[in-house]
Amino acid sequence: MSKYEAGDLVCSVAGHDKNELYIVYEVQKNWVSLVDGKYKLVTKPKMKKCKHVERIKKKVMEIKPEETTDLQIKHCLKVLRKSL
């Protein structure tokens, strides 16, 4: 079972996108799909192993796959970056 949930704010700790912020869109065993609303969209999220991300905050937004938009995610990350 994964320690991540949809809606968590995470930071990439490995790969070419190291130190980038994402929101967890879906969780599948040892993988999470990540979105940022700009480059990684809800239609094509970034897949990353759980060990390559670190949770910053728990449940920063409610993710409903059929209702959540890239604009909402982008706005949420913009606000969170200012508070960090």
C-alpha atoms as a PDB file:
ATOM      1  CA  MET A   1       0.000   0.000   0.000  1.00  0.00           C
ATOM      2  CA  SER A   2       1.272   3.444  -0.927  1.00  0.00           C
ATOM      3  CA  LYS A   3       1.724   6.221   1.603  1.00  0.00           C
ATOM      4  CA  TYR A   4       0.493   8.784  -0.929  1.00  0.00           C
ATOM      5  CA  GLU A   5      -3.062   9.885  -1.708  1.00  0.00           C
ATOM      6  CA  ALA A   6      -4.581  11.811  -4.590  1.00  0.00           C
ATOM      7  CA  GLY A   7      -4.298  15.513  -3.830  1.00  0.00           C
ATOM      8  CA  ASP A   8      -0.979  15.382  -1.932  1.00  0.00           C
ATOM      9  CA  LEU A   9       1.711  17.949  -2.727  1.00  0.00           C
ATOM     10  CA  VAL A  10       4.981  16.184  -3.554  1.00  0.00           C
ATOM     11  CA  CYS A  11       8.472  17.114  -4.654  1.00  0.00           C
ATOM     12  CA  SER A  12      10.515  15.054  -7.088  1.00  0.00           C
ATOM     13  CA  VAL A  13      13.753  13.818  -5.497  1.00  0.00           C
ATOM     14  CA  ALA A  14      15.206  11.997  -8.518  1.00  0.00           C
ATOM     15  CA  GLY A  15      15.379  12.405 -12.259  1.00  0.00           C
ATOM     16  CA  HIS A  16      15.714  15.379 -14.585  1.00  0.00           C
ATOM     17  CA  ASP A  17      12.784  17.073 -12.854  1.00  0.00           C
ATOM     18  CA  LYS A  18      14.443  17.003  -9.403  1.00  0.00           C
ATOM     19  CA  ASN A  19      13.015  19.590  -6.945  1.00  0.00           C
ATOM     20  CA  GLU A  20       9.866  20.212  -9.042  1.00  0.00           C
ATOM     21  CA  LEU A  21       6.500  20.379  -7.271  1.00  0.00           C
ATOM     22  CA  TYR A  22       3.594  18.213  -8.375  1.00  0.00           C
ATOM     23  CA  ILE A  23       0.187  17.178  -7.135  1.00  0.00           C
ATOM     24  CA  VAL A  24      -0.575  13.465  -6.961  1.00  0.00           C
ATOM     25  CA  TYR A  25      -3.369  12.688  -9.412  1.00  0.00           C
ATOM     26  CA  GLU A  26      -3.644   8.908  -8.965  1.00  0.00           C
ATOM     27  CA  VAL A  27      -1.924   6.190  -6.948  1.00  0.00           C
ATOM     28  CA  GLN A  28      -1.193   2.690  -8.268  1.00  0.00           C
ATOM     29  CA  LYS A  29       0.791   0.265  -6.052  1.00  0.00           C
ATOM     30  CA  ASN A  30       4.379   1.621  -6.192  1.00  0.00           C
ATOM     31  CA  TRP A  31       3.640   4.317  -8.785  1.00  0.00           C
ATOM     32  CA  VAL A  32       2.040   7.754  -8.601  1.00  0.00           C
ATOM     33  CA  SER A  33       0.803   9.866 -11.484  1.00  0.00           C
ATOM     34  CA  LEU A  34       1.762  13.499 -11.070  1.00  0.00           C
ATOM     35  CA  VAL A  35       0.351  16.694 -12.574  1.00  0.00           C
ATOM     36  CA  ASP A  36       1.403  20.333 -12.509  1.00  0.00           C
ATOM     37  CA  GLY A  37      -1.225  21.906 -14.772  1.00  0.00           C
ATOM     38  CA  LYS A  38       1.372  23.322 -17.158  1.00  0.00           C
ATOM     39  CA  TYR A  39       3.658  20.625 -18.561  1.00  0.00           C
ATOM     40  CA  LYS A  40       2.142  17.509 -17.026  1.00  0.00           C
ATOM     41  CA  LEU A  41      -1.576  17.690 -17.689  1.00  0.00           C
ATOM     42  CA  VAL A  42      -4.451  15.605 -16.355  1.00  0.00           C
ATOM     43  CA  THR A  43      -4.790  14.030 -19.805  1.00  0.00           C
ATOM     44  CA  LYS A  44      -1.170  12.837 -19.723  1.00  0.00           C
ATOM     45  CA  PRO A  45       0.242  12.798 -16.165  1.00  0.00           C
ATOM     46  CA  LYS A  46       3.845  11.959 -15.305  1.00  0.00           C
ATOM     47  CA  MET A  47       4.312   8.481 -13.870  1.00  0.00           C
ATOM     48  CA  LYS A  48       6.949   8.172 -11.164  1.00  0.00           C
ATOM     49  CA  LYS A  49       7.871   5.517  -8.626  1.00  0.00           C
ATOM     50  CA  CYS A  50       6.888   6.357  -5.055  1.00  0.00           C
ATOM     51  CA  LYS A  51      10.497   6.194  -3.902  1.00  0.00           C
ATOM     52  CA  HIS A  52      11.374   9.062  -6.269  1.00  0.00           C
ATOM     53  CA  VAL A  53       8.996  11.587  -4.695  1.00  0.00           C
ATOM     54  CA  GLU A  54       8.662  13.071  -1.226  1.00  0.00           C
ATOM     55  CA  ARG A  55       5.433  14.376   0.282  1.00  0.00           C
ATOM     56  CA  ILE A  56       5.529  18.066   1.258  1.00  0.00           C
ATOM     57  CA  LYS A  57       1.910  18.508   2.379  1.00  0.00           C
ATOM     58  CA  LYS A  58      -0.954  16.095   2.753  1.00  0.00           C
ATOM     59  CA  LYS A  59      -4.191  16.618   0.805  1.00  0.00           C
ATOM     60  CA  VAL A  60      -3.765  20.166  -0.530  1.00  0.00           C
ATOM     61  CA  MET A  61      -6.708  19.769  -2.900  1.00  0.00           C
ATOM     62  CA  GLU A  62      -9.584  17.399  -3.617  1.00  0.00           C
ATOM     63  CA  ILE A  63      -8.934  15.417  -6.809  1.00  0.00           C
ATOM     64  CA  LYS A  64     -11.943  14.192  -8.746  1.00  0.00           C
ATOM     65  CA  PRO A  65     -10.615  12.762 -12.033  1.00  0.00           C
ATOM     66  CA  GLU A  66     -13.710  13.674 -14.040  1.00  0.00           C
ATOM     67  CA  GLU A  67     -13.966  17.227 -12.618  1.00  0.00           C
ATOM     68  CA  THR A  68     -10.429  18.429 -11.815  1.00  0.00           C
ATOM     69  CA  THR A  69      -8.918  20.718 -14.463  1.00  0.00           C
ATOM     70  CA  ASP A  70      -5.374  21.752 -15.292  1.00  0.00           C
ATOM     71  CA  LEU A  71      -6.271  25.353 -14.467  1.00  0.00           C
ATOM     72  CA  GLN A  72      -7.334  24.393 -10.924  1.00  0.00           C
ATOM     73  CA  ILE A  73      -4.110  22.462 -10.390  1.00  0.00           C
ATOM     74  CA  LYS A  74      -1.972  25.261 -11.805  1.00  0.00           C
ATOM     75  CA  HIS A  75      -3.667  27.814  -9.533  1.00  0.00           C
ATOM     76  CA  CYS A  76      -3.282  25.586  -6.455  1.00  0.00           C
ATOM     77  CA  LEU A  77       0.449  25.089  -7.099  1.00  0.00           C
ATOM     78  CA  LYS A  78       0.923  28.836  -7.650  1.00  0.00           C
ATOM     79  CA  VAL A  79      -0.633  29.609  -4.249  1.00  0.00           C
ATOM     80  CA  LEU A  80       1.344  26.829  -2.528  1.00  0.00           C
ATOM     81  CA  ARG A  81       4.668  27.997  -3.983  1.00  0.00           C
ATOM     82  CA  LYS A  82       4.101  31.431  -2.436  1.00  0.00           C
ATOM     83  CA  SER A  83       3.400  29.914   0.988  1.00  0.00           C
ATOM     84  CA  LEU A  84       6.476  27.680   0.940  1.00  0.00           C
END
